[in-house]
PDB file of N, CA and C in Angstrom:
ATOM      1  N   UNK A   1      18.217  -8.246  -4.883  1.00  0.00           N
ATOM      2  CA  UNK A   1      17.148  -7.263  -5.015  1.00  0.00           C
ATOM      3  C   UNK A   1      15.894  -7.821  -4.335  1.00  0.00           C
ATOM      4  N   UNK A   2      15.289  -7.048  -3.475  1.00  0.00           N
ATOM      5  CA  UNK A   2      14.107  -7.501  -2.761  1.00  0.00           C
ATOM      6  C   UNK A   2      12.854  -7.337  -3.623  1.00  0.00           C
ATOM      7  N   UNK A   3      11.818  -8.055  -3.254  1.00  0.00           N
ATOM      8  CA  UNK A   3      10.538  -7.922  -3.957  1.00  0.00           C
ATOM      9  C   UNK A   3       9.986  -6.505  -3.817  1.00  0.00           C
ATOM     10  N   UNK A   4      10.173  -5.913  -2.638  1.00  0.00           N
ATOM     11  CA  UNK A   4       9.678  -4.550  -2.421  1.00  0.00           C
ATOM     12  C   UNK A   4      10.403  -3.564  -3.330  1.00  0.00           C
ATOM     13  N   UNK A   5      11.718  -3.721  -3.479  1.00  0.00           N
ATOM     14  CA  UNK A   5      12.485  -2.826  -4.327  1.00  0.00           C
ATOM     15  C   UNK A   5      12.056  -2.981  -5.776  1.00  0.00           C
ATOM     16  N   UNK A   6      11.849  -4.215  -6.211  1.00  0.00           N
ATOM     17  CA  UNK A   6      11.396  -4.470  -7.577  1.00  0.00           C
ATOM     18  C   UNK A   6      10.033  -3.836  -7.820  1.00  0.00           C
ATOM     19  N   UNK A   7       9.125  -4.005  -6.867  1.00  0.00           N
ATOM     20  CA  UNK A   7       7.791  -3.407  -6.998  1.00  0.00           C
ATOM     21  C   UNK A   7       7.881  -1.887  -7.052  1.00  0.00           C
ATOM     22  N   UNK A   8       8.756  -1.298  -6.238  1.00  0.00           N
ATOM     23  CA  UNK A   8       8.924   0.156  -6.242  1.00  0.00           C
ATOM     24  C   UNK A   8       9.441   0.637  -7.592  1.00  0.00           C
ATOM     25  N   UNK A   9      10.374  -0.094  -8.182  1.00  0.00           N
ATOM     26  CA  UNK A   9      10.908   0.277  -9.502  1.00  0.00           C
ATOM     27  C   UNK A   9       9.826   0.204 -10.576  1.00  0.00           C
ATOM     28  N   UNK A  10       9.004  -0.832 -10.542  1.00  0.00           N
ATOM     29  CA  UNK A  10       7.908  -0.978 -11.511  1.00  0.00           C
ATOM     30  C   UNK A  10       6.908   0.159 -11.332  1.00  0.00           C
ATOM     31  N   UNK A  11       6.558   0.450 -10.089  1.00  0.00           N
ATOM     32  CA  UNK A  11       5.610   1.523  -9.797  1.00  0.00           C
ATOM     33  C   UNK A  11       6.122   2.855 -10.351  1.00  0.00           C
ATOM     34  N   UNK A  12       7.402   3.118 -10.192  1.00  0.00           N
ATOM     35  CA  UNK A  12       7.984   4.363 -10.699  1.00  0.00           C
ATOM     36  C   UNK A  12       7.921   4.435 -12.218  1.00  0.00           C
ATOM     37  N   UNK A  13       8.158   3.317 -12.887  1.00  0.00           N
ATOM     38  CA  UNK A  13       8.107   3.287 -14.346  1.00  0.00           C
ATOM     39  C   UNK A  13       6.679   3.485 -14.857  1.00  0.00           C
ATOM     40  N   UNK A  14       5.725   2.880 -14.200  1.00  0.00           N
ATOM     41  CA  UNK A  14       4.323   2.949 -14.630  1.00  0.00           C
ATOM     42  C   UNK A  14       3.702   4.314 -14.356  1.00  0.00           C
ATOM     43  N   UNK A  15       3.986   4.882 -13.181  1.00  0.00           N
ATOM     44  CA  UNK A  15       3.322   6.128 -12.776  1.00  0.00           C
ATOM     45  C   UNK A  15       4.099   7.392 -13.133  1.00  0.00           C
ATOM     46  N   UNK A  16       5.390   7.270 -13.348  1.00  0.00           N
ATOM     47  CA  UNK A  16       6.213   8.446 -13.592  1.00  0.00           C
ATOM     48  C   UNK A  16       6.511   9.226 -12.323  1.00  0.00           C
ATOM     49  N   UNK A  17       6.157   8.677 -11.168  1.00  0.00           N
ATOM     50  CA  UNK A  17       6.432   9.305  -9.877  1.00  0.00           C
ATOM     51  C   UNK A  17       7.441   8.449  -9.134  1.00  0.00           C
ATOM     52  N   UNK A  18       8.141   9.065  -8.189  1.00  0.00           N
ATOM     53  CA  UNK A  18       8.992   8.242  -7.333  1.00  0.00           C
ATOM     54  C   UNK A  18       8.085   7.409  -6.432  1.00  0.00           C
ATOM     55  N   UNK A  19       8.642   6.348  -5.904  1.00  0.00           N
ATOM     56  CA  UNK A  19       7.898   5.489  -4.983  1.00  0.00           C
ATOM     57  C   UNK A  19       7.379   6.313  -3.808  1.00  0.00           C
ATOM     58  N   UNK A  20       8.253   7.158  -3.261  1.00  0.00           N
ATOM     59  CA  UNK A  20       7.877   7.967  -2.101  1.00  0.00           C
ATOM     60  C   UNK A  20       6.731   8.922  -2.434  1.00  0.00           C
ATOM     61  N   UNK A  21       6.796   9.584  -3.597  1.00  0.00           N
ATOM     62  CA  UNK A  21       5.726  10.508  -4.016  1.00  0.00           C
ATOM     63  C   UNK A  21       4.407   9.769  -4.189  1.00  0.00           C
ATOM     64  N   UNK A  22       4.463   8.621  -4.852  1.00  0.00           N
ATOM     65  CA  UNK A  22       3.251   7.847  -5.099  1.00  0.00           C
ATOM     66  C   UNK A  22       2.610   7.397  -3.787  1.00  0.00           C
ATOM     67  N   UNK A  23       3.406   6.853  -2.897  1.00  0.00           N
ATOM     68  CA  UNK A  23       2.878   6.365  -1.626  1.00  0.00           C
ATOM     69  C   UNK A  23       2.265   7.497  -0.811  1.00  0.00           C
ATOM     70  N   UNK A  24       2.940   8.637  -0.784  1.00  0.00           N
ATOM     71  CA  UNK A  24       2.418   9.765  -0.012  1.00  0.00           C
ATOM     72  C   UNK A  24       1.085  10.236  -0.561  1.00  0.00           C
ATOM     73  N   UNK A  25       1.008  10.446  -1.874  1.00  0.00           N
ATOM     74  CA  UNK A  25      -0.202  10.992  -2.487  1.00  0.00           C
ATOM     75  C   UNK A  25      -1.354   9.987  -2.548  1.00  0.00           C
ATOM     76  N   UNK A  26      -1.068   8.754  -2.907  1.00  0.00           N
ATOM     77  CA  UNK A  26      -2.123   7.779  -3.201  1.00  0.00           C
ATOM     78  C   UNK A  26      -2.453   6.820  -2.076  1.00  0.00           C
ATOM     79  N   UNK A  27      -1.611   6.753  -1.075  1.00  0.00           N
ATOM     80  CA  UNK A  27      -1.898   5.857   0.048  1.00  0.00           C
ATOM     81  C   UNK A  27      -1.994   6.648   1.348  1.00  0.00           C
ATOM     82  N   UNK A  28      -0.885   7.249   1.769  1.00  0.00           N
ATOM     83  CA  UNK A  28      -0.865   7.909   3.071  1.00  0.00           C
ATOM     84  C   UNK A  28      -1.887   9.038   3.171  1.00  0.00           C
ATOM     85  N   UNK A  29      -1.942   9.913   2.172  1.00  0.00           N
ATOM     86  CA  UNK A  29      -2.900  11.030   2.225  1.00  0.00           C
ATOM     87  C   UNK A  29      -4.335  10.554   2.092  1.00  0.00           C
ATOM     88  N   UNK A  30      -4.583   9.604   1.208  1.00  0.00           N
ATOM     89  CA  UNK A  30      -5.947   9.074   1.026  1.00  0.00           C
ATOM     90  C   UNK A  30      -6.455   8.444   2.321  1.00  0.00           C
ATOM     91  N   UNK A  31      -5.580   7.734   3.009  1.00  0.00           N
ATOM     92  CA  UNK A  31      -5.971   7.046   4.243  1.00  0.00           C
ATOM     93  C   UNK A  31      -5.938   7.945   5.468  1.00  0.00           C
ATOM     94  N   UNK A  32      -5.309   9.112   5.346  1.00  0.00           N
ATOM     95  CA  UNK A  32      -5.146   9.983   6.499  1.00  0.00           C
ATOM     96  C   UNK A  32      -4.009   9.545   7.408  1.00  0.00           C
ATOM     97  N   UNK A  33      -3.069   8.793   6.857  1.00  0.00           N
ATOM     98  CA  UNK A  33      -1.945   8.247   7.627  1.00  0.00           C
ATOM     99  C   UNK A  33      -0.862   9.322   7.780  1.00  0.00           C
ATOM    100  N   UNK A  34      -0.871  10.011   8.914  1.00  0.00           N
ATOM    101  CA  UNK A  34       0.050  11.120   9.138  1.00  0.00           C
ATOM    102  C   UNK A  34       1.341  10.703   9.830  1.00  0.00           C
ATOM    103  N   UNK A  35       1.414   9.480  10.307  1.00  0.00           N
ATOM    104  CA  UNK A  35       2.589   9.030  11.056  1.00  0.00           C
ATOM    105  C   UNK A  35       3.334   7.906  10.344  1.00  0.00           C
ATOM    106  N   UNK A  36       3.158   7.788   9.036  1.00  0.00           N
ATOM    107  CA  UNK A  36       3.804   6.728   8.272  1.00  0.00           C
ATOM    108  C   UNK A  36       4.793   7.307   7.282  1.00  0.00           C
ATOM    109  N   UNK A  37       5.872   6.584   7.075  1.00  0.00           N
ATOM    110  CA  UNK A  37       6.884   6.969   6.103  1.00  0.00           C
ATOM    111  C   UNK A  37       7.319   5.725   5.344  1.00  0.00           C
ATOM    112  N   UNK A  38       8.003   5.939   4.234  1.00  0.00           N
ATOM    113  CA  UNK A  38       8.549   4.799   3.505  1.00  0.00           C
ATOM    114  C   UNK A  38      10.017   5.046   3.218  1.00  0.00           C
ATOM    115  N   UNK A  39      10.713   3.964   2.869  1.00  0.00           N
ATOM    116  CA  UNK A  39      12.136   4.068   2.577  1.00  0.00           C
ATOM    117  C   UNK A  39      12.366   3.811   1.102  1.00  0.00           C
ATOM    118  N   UNK A  40      13.582   4.040   0.669  1.00  0.00           N
ATOM    119  CA  UNK A  40      13.934   3.847  -0.740  1.00  0.00           C
ATOM    120  C   UNK A  40      13.827   2.401  -1.182  1.00  0.00           C
ATOM    121  N   UNK A  41      13.877   1.468  -0.251  1.00  0.00           N
ATOM    122  CA  UNK A  41      13.807   0.055  -0.614  1.00  0.00           C
ATOM    123  C   UNK A  41      12.408  -0.527  -0.467  1.00  0.00           C
ATOM    124  N   UNK A  42      11.428   0.325  -0.205  1.00  0.00           N
ATOM    125  CA  UNK A  42      10.049  -0.137  -0.177  1.00  0.00           C
ATOM    126  C   UNK A  42       9.490  -0.468   1.184  1.00  0.00           C
ATOM    127  N   UNK A  43      10.275  -0.303   2.237  1.00  0.00           N
ATOM    128  CA  UNK A  43       9.763  -0.562   3.585  1.00  0.00           C
ATOM    129  C   UNK A  43       8.854   0.582   4.021  1.00  0.00           C
ATOM    130  N   UNK A  44       7.828   0.250   4.773  1.00  0.00           N
ATOM    131  CA  UNK A  44       6.922   1.253   5.324  1.00  0.00           C
ATOM    132  C   UNK A  44       7.031   1.209   6.842  1.00  0.00           C
ATOM    133  N   UNK A  45       7.223   2.371   7.432  1.00  0.00           N
ATOM    134  CA  UNK A  45       7.261   2.498   8.890  1.00  0.00           C
ATOM    135  C   UNK A  45       5.984   3.206   9.303  1.00  0.00           C
ATOM    136  N   UNK A  46       5.248   2.554  10.216  1.00  0.00           N
ATOM    137  CA  UNK A  46       3.945   3.073  10.594  1.00  0.00           C
ATOM    138  C   UNK A  46       3.704   2.828  12.072  1.00  0.00           C
ATOM    139  N   UNK A  47       2.596   3.342  12.563  1.00  0.00           N
ATOM    140  CA  UNK A  47       2.204   3.045  13.934  1.00  0.00           C
ATOM    141  C   UNK A  47       0.823   2.385  13.918  1.00  0.00           C
ATOM    142  N   UNK A  48       0.359   1.969  15.066  1.00  0.00           N
ATOM    143  CA  UNK A  48      -0.898   1.231  15.163  1.00  0.00           C
ATOM    144  C   UNK A  48      -2.084   2.044  14.649  1.00  0.00           C
ATOM    145  N   UNK A  49      -2.120   3.326  14.986  1.00  0.00           N
ATOM    146  CA  UNK A  49      -3.235   4.175  14.544  1.00  0.00           C
ATOM    147  C   UNK A  49      -3.280   4.270  13.025  1.00  0.00           C
ATOM    148  N   UNK A  50      -2.128   4.440  12.385  1.00  0.00           N
ATOM    149  CA  UNK A  50      -2.102   4.519  10.933  1.00  0.00           C
ATOM    150  C   UNK A  50      -2.439   3.182  10.277  1.00  0.00           C
ATOM    151  N   UNK A  51      -2.049   2.093  10.895  1.00  0.00           N
ATOM    152  CA  UNK A  51      -2.405   0.773  10.355  1.00  0.00           C
ATOM    153  C   UNK A  51      -3.919   0.582  10.394  1.00  0.00           C
ATOM    154  N   UNK A  52      -4.560   1.060  11.446  1.00  0.00           N
ATOM    155  CA  UNK A  52      -6.021   1.003  11.520  1.00  0.00           C
ATOM    156  C   UNK A  52      -6.651   1.849  10.422  1.00  0.00           C
ATOM    157  N   UNK A  53      -6.097   3.044  10.172  1.00  0.00           N
ATOM    158  CA  UNK A  53      -6.594   3.882   9.080  1.00  0.00           C
ATOM    159  C   UNK A  53      -6.437   3.184   7.736  1.00  0.00           C
ATOM    160  N   UNK A  54      -5.317   2.499   7.536  1.00  0.00           N
ATOM    161  CA  UNK A  54      -5.070   1.740   6.311  1.00  0.00           C
ATOM    162  C   UNK A  54      -6.136   0.649   6.132  1.00  0.00           C
ATOM    163  N   UNK A  55      -6.383  -0.093   7.190  1.00  0.00           N
ATOM    164  CA  UNK A  55      -7.361  -1.184   7.130  1.00  0.00           C
ATOM    165  C   UNK A  55      -8.761  -0.652   6.820  1.00  0.00           C
ATOM    166  N   UNK A  56      -9.133   0.433   7.438  1.00  0.00           N
ATOM    167  CA  UNK A  56     -10.453   1.031   7.195  1.00  0.00           C
ATOM    168  C   UNK A  56     -10.581   1.525   5.755  1.00  0.00           C
ATOM    169  N   UNK A  57      -9.550   2.175   5.243  1.00  0.00           N
ATOM    170  CA  UNK A  57      -9.570   2.661   3.860  1.00  0.00           C
ATOM    171  C   UNK A  57      -9.617   1.498   2.881  1.00  0.00           C
ATOM    172  N   UNK A  58      -8.887   0.447   3.180  1.00  0.00           N
ATOM    173  CA  UNK A  58      -8.881  -0.734   2.309  1.00  0.00           C
ATOM    174  C   UNK A  58     -10.263  -1.377   2.272  1.00  0.00           C
ATOM    175  N   UNK A  59     -10.839  -1.606   3.429  1.00  0.00           N
ATOM    176  CA  UNK A  59     -12.126  -2.286   3.508  1.00  0.00           C
ATOM    177  C   UNK A  59     -13.290  -1.427   3.013  1.00  0.00           C
ATOM    178  N   UNK A  60     -13.151  -0.110   3.034  1.00  0.00           N
ATOM    179  CA  UNK A  60     -14.215   0.764   2.543  1.00  0.00           C
ATOM    180  C   UNK A  60     -14.005   1.137   1.073  1.00  0.00           C
ATOM    181  N   UNK A  61     -13.051   0.466   0.445  1.00  0.00           N
ATOM    182  CA  UNK A  61     -12.782   0.603  -0.992  1.00  0.00           C
ATOM    183  C   UNK A  61     -12.352   2.013  -1.394  1.00  0.00           C
ATOM    184  N   UNK A  62     -11.621   2.692  -0.528  1.00  0.00           N
ATOM    185  CA  UNK A  62     -11.051   3.991  -0.873  1.00  0.00           C
ATOM    186  C   UNK A  62      -9.785   3.835  -1.708  1.00  0.00           C
ATOM    187  N   UNK A  63      -9.159   2.669  -1.612  1.00  0.00           N
ATOM    188  CA  UNK A  63      -7.883   2.446  -2.288  1.00  0.00           C
ATOM    189  C   UNK A  63      -8.031   1.503  -3.471  1.00  0.00           C
ATOM    190  N   UNK A  64      -8.784   0.449  -3.286  1.00  0.00           N
ATOM    191  CA  UNK A  64      -9.034  -0.523  -4.349  1.00  0.00           C
ATOM    192  C   UNK A  64     -10.526  -0.817  -4.419  1.00  0.00           C
ATOM    193  N   UNK A  65     -10.970  -1.368  -5.535  1.00  0.00           N
ATOM    194  CA  UNK A  65     -12.400  -1.660  -5.676  1.00  0.00           C
ATOM    195  C   UNK A  65     -12.741  -3.029  -5.090  1.00  0.00           C
ATOM    196  N   UNK A  66     -14.021  -3.361  -5.070  1.00  0.00           N
ATOM    197  CA  UNK A  66     -14.475  -4.600  -4.423  1.00  0.00           C
ATOM    198  C   UNK A  66     -13.927  -5.844  -5.112  1.00  0.00           C
ATOM    199  N   UNK A  67     -13.785  -5.813  -6.419  1.00  0.00           N
ATOM    200  CA  UNK A  67     -13.236  -6.967  -7.141  1.00  0.00           C
ATOM    201  C   UNK A  67     -11.776  -7.207  -6.755  1.00  0.00           C
ATOM    202  N   UNK A  68     -11.004  -6.150  -6.676  1.00  0.00           N
ATOM    203  CA  UNK A  68      -9.598  -6.277  -6.279  1.00  0.00           C
ATOM    204  C   UNK A  68      -9.486  -6.759  -4.842  1.00  0.00           C
ATOM    205  N   UNK A  69     -10.338  -6.233  -3.962  1.00  0.00           N
ATOM    206  CA  UNK A  69     -10.333  -6.647  -2.566  1.00  0.00           C
ATOM    207  C   UNK A  69     -10.682  -8.126  -2.436  1.00  0.00           C
ATOM    208  N   UNK A  70     -11.649  -8.575  -3.186  1.00  0.00           N
ATOM    209  CA  UNK A  70     -12.025  -9.994  -3.158  1.00  0.00           C
ATOM    210  C   UNK A  70     -10.882 -10.874  -3.644  1.00  0.00           C
ATOM    211  N   UNK A  71     -10.200 -10.435  -4.684  1.00  0.00           N
ATOM    212  CA  UNK A  71      -9.061 -11.186  -5.218  1.00  0.00           C
ATOM    213  C   UNK A  71      -7.956 -11.323  -4.167  1.00  0.00           C
ATOM    214  N   UNK A  72      -7.631 -10.218  -3.510  1.00  0.00           N
ATOM    215  CA  UNK A  72      -6.598 -10.243  -2.476  1.00  0.00           C
ATOM    216  C   UNK A  72      -7.021 -11.126  -1.311  1.00  0.00           C
ATOM    217  N   UNK A  73      -8.269 -10.995  -0.890  1.00  0.00           N
ATOM    218  CA  UNK A  73      -8.781 -11.800   0.217  1.00  0.00           C
ATOM    219  C   UNK A  73      -8.695 -13.283  -0.106  1.00  0.00           C
ATOM    220  N   UNK A  74      -9.084 -13.655  -1.307  1.00  0.00           N
ATOM    221  CA  UNK A  74      -9.017 -15.057  -1.731  1.00  0.00           C
ATOM    222  C   UNK A  74      -7.579 -15.557  -1.732  1.00  0.00           C
ATOM    223  N   UNK A  75      -6.658 -14.758  -2.247  1.00  0.00           N
ATOM    224  CA  UNK A  75      -5.245 -15.145  -2.269  1.00  0.00           C
ATOM    225  C   UNK A  75      -4.713 -15.351  -0.851  1.00  0.00           C
ATOM    226  N   UNK A  76      -5.071 -14.454   0.065  1.00  0.00           N
ATOM    227  CA  UNK A  76      -4.605 -14.581   1.440  1.00  0.00           C
ATOM    228  C   UNK A  76      -5.208 -15.802   2.129  1.00  0.00           C
ATOM    229  N   UNK A  77      -6.470 -16.073   1.869  1.00  0.00           N
ATOM    230  CA  UNK A  77      -7.098 -17.257   2.452  1.00  0.00           C
ATOM    231  C   UNK A  77      -6.393 -18.522   1.981  1.00  0.00           C
ATOM    232  N   UNK A  78      -6.045 -18.595   0.720  1.00  0.00           N
ATOM    233  CA  UNK A  78      -5.325 -19.754   0.184  1.00  0.00           C
ATOM    234  C   UNK A  78      -3.929 -19.853   0.785  1.00  0.00           C
ATOM    235  N   UNK A  79      -3.270 -18.736   0.933  1.00  0.00           N
ATOM    236  CA  UNK A  79      -1.909 -18.710   1.454  1.00  0.00           C
ATOM    237  C   UNK A  79      -1.852 -19.196   2.896  1.00  0.00           C
ATOM    238  N   UNK A  80      -2.849 -18.810   3.703  1.00  0.00           N
ATOM    239  CA  UNK A  80      -2.821 -19.135   5.117  1.00  0.00           C
ATOM    240  C   UNK A  80      -3.574 -20.404   5.494  1.00  0.00           C
ATOM    241  N   UNK A  81      -3.957 -21.192   4.517  1.00  0.00           N
ATOM    242  CA  UNK A  81      -4.606 -22.484   4.819  1.00  0.00           C
ATOM    243  C   UNK A  81      -3.642 -23.439   5.446  1.00  0.00           C
TER     244      UNK A  81
END
Protein backbone atom coordinates (compact mmCIF):
# COMPACT_ATOMS: atom_id res chain seq x y z
CA UNK A 1 0.00 0.00 0.00
CA UNK A 2 1.46 3.36 -0.99
CA UNK A 3 1.55 6.43 1.22
CA UNK A 4 -0.68 8.23 -1.28
CA UNK A 5 -3.28 5.46 -1.15
CA UNK A 6 -3.23 5.48 2.65
CA UNK A 7 -3.64 9.26 2.72
CA UNK A 8 -6.54 9.02 0.25
CA UNK A 9 -8.28 6.43 2.45
CA UNK A 10 -7.86 8.63 5.55
CA UNK A 11 -9.13 11.68 3.67
CA UNK A 12 -12.23 9.75 2.58
CA UNK A 13 -12.95 8.63 6.15
CA UNK A 14 -12.51 12.13 7.60
CA UNK A 15 -14.41 14.10 4.94
CA UNK A 16 -17.05 11.60 3.86
CA UNK A 17 -16.13 12.36 0.23
CA UNK A 18 -14.21 10.26 -2.23
CA UNK A 19 -10.62 11.30 -2.80
CA UNK A 20 -11.50 12.42 -6.32
CA UNK A 21 -14.47 14.55 -5.13
CA UNK A 22 -12.42 16.17 -2.38
CA UNK A 23 -9.49 17.00 -4.65
CA UNK A 24 -11.74 18.44 -7.34
CA UNK A 25 -13.77 20.65 -4.99
CA UNK A 26 -11.10 21.71 -2.48
CA UNK A 27 -7.93 21.84 -4.54
CA UNK A 28 -8.45 21.90 -8.30
CA UNK A 29 -11.45 24.26 -8.31
CA UNK A 30 -10.04 26.54 -5.60
CA UNK A 31 -6.77 26.88 -7.51
CA UNK A 32 -8.41 27.15 -10.93
CA UNK A 33 -6.59 24.00 -12.07
CA UNK A 34 -8.59 22.97 -15.14
CA UNK A 35 -6.05 20.56 -16.63
CA UNK A 36 -5.37 18.35 -13.60
CA UNK A 37 -6.80 14.97 -12.70
CA UNK A 38 -6.18 12.40 -10.01
CA UNK A 39 -6.22 8.62 -9.91
CA UNK A 40 -7.67 6.13 -7.46
CA UNK A 41 -4.24 5.56 -5.94
CA UNK A 42 -3.59 9.21 -5.18
CA UNK A 43 -1.48 10.23 -8.16
CA UNK A 44 -2.09 13.67 -9.63
CA UNK A 45 -1.59 14.36 -13.32
CA UNK A 46 -1.08 18.02 -14.11
CA UNK A 47 0.60 20.41 -16.49
CA UNK A 48 3.00 23.30 -15.91
CA UNK A 49 0.27 25.96 -15.96
CA UNK A 50 -1.76 24.16 -13.31
CA UNK A 51 1.32 23.60 -11.15
CA UNK A 52 1.91 27.36 -11.23
CA UNK A 53 -1.71 27.93 -10.18
CA UNK A 54 -1.19 25.46 -7.32
CA UNK A 55 1.94 27.27 -6.15
CA UNK A 56 0.24 30.66 -6.27
CA UNK A 57 -2.80 29.40 -4.33
CA UNK A 58 -0.54 27.76 -1.75
CA UNK A 59 1.62 30.83 -1.22
CA UNK A 60 -1.38 33.20 -1.09
CA UNK A 61 -2.95 31.02 1.63
CA UNK A 62 -6.03 30.04 -0.39
CA UNK A 63 -5.53 26.41 0.59
CA UNK A 64 -3.76 26.49 3.94
CA UNK A 65 -3.11 29.20 6.51
CA UNK A 66 0.22 30.90 7.25
CA UNK A 67 0.99 28.67 10.24
CA UNK A 68 0.50 25.51 8.19
CA UNK A 69 2.58 26.95 5.35
CA UNK A 70 5.40 27.80 7.74
CA UNK A 71 5.30 24.29 9.19
CA UNK A 72 5.54 22.71 5.73
CA UNK A 73 8.31 25.09 4.68
CA UNK A 74 10.32 24.26 7.80
CA UNK A 75 9.88 20.52 7.24
CA UNK A 76 11.03 20.83 3.62
CA UNK A 77 14.04 22.92 4.57
CA UNK A 78 15.09 20.25 7.08
CA UNK A 79 14.50 17.46 4.59
CA UNK A 80 16.61 19.05 1.86
CA UNK A 81 19.58 20.05 4.03
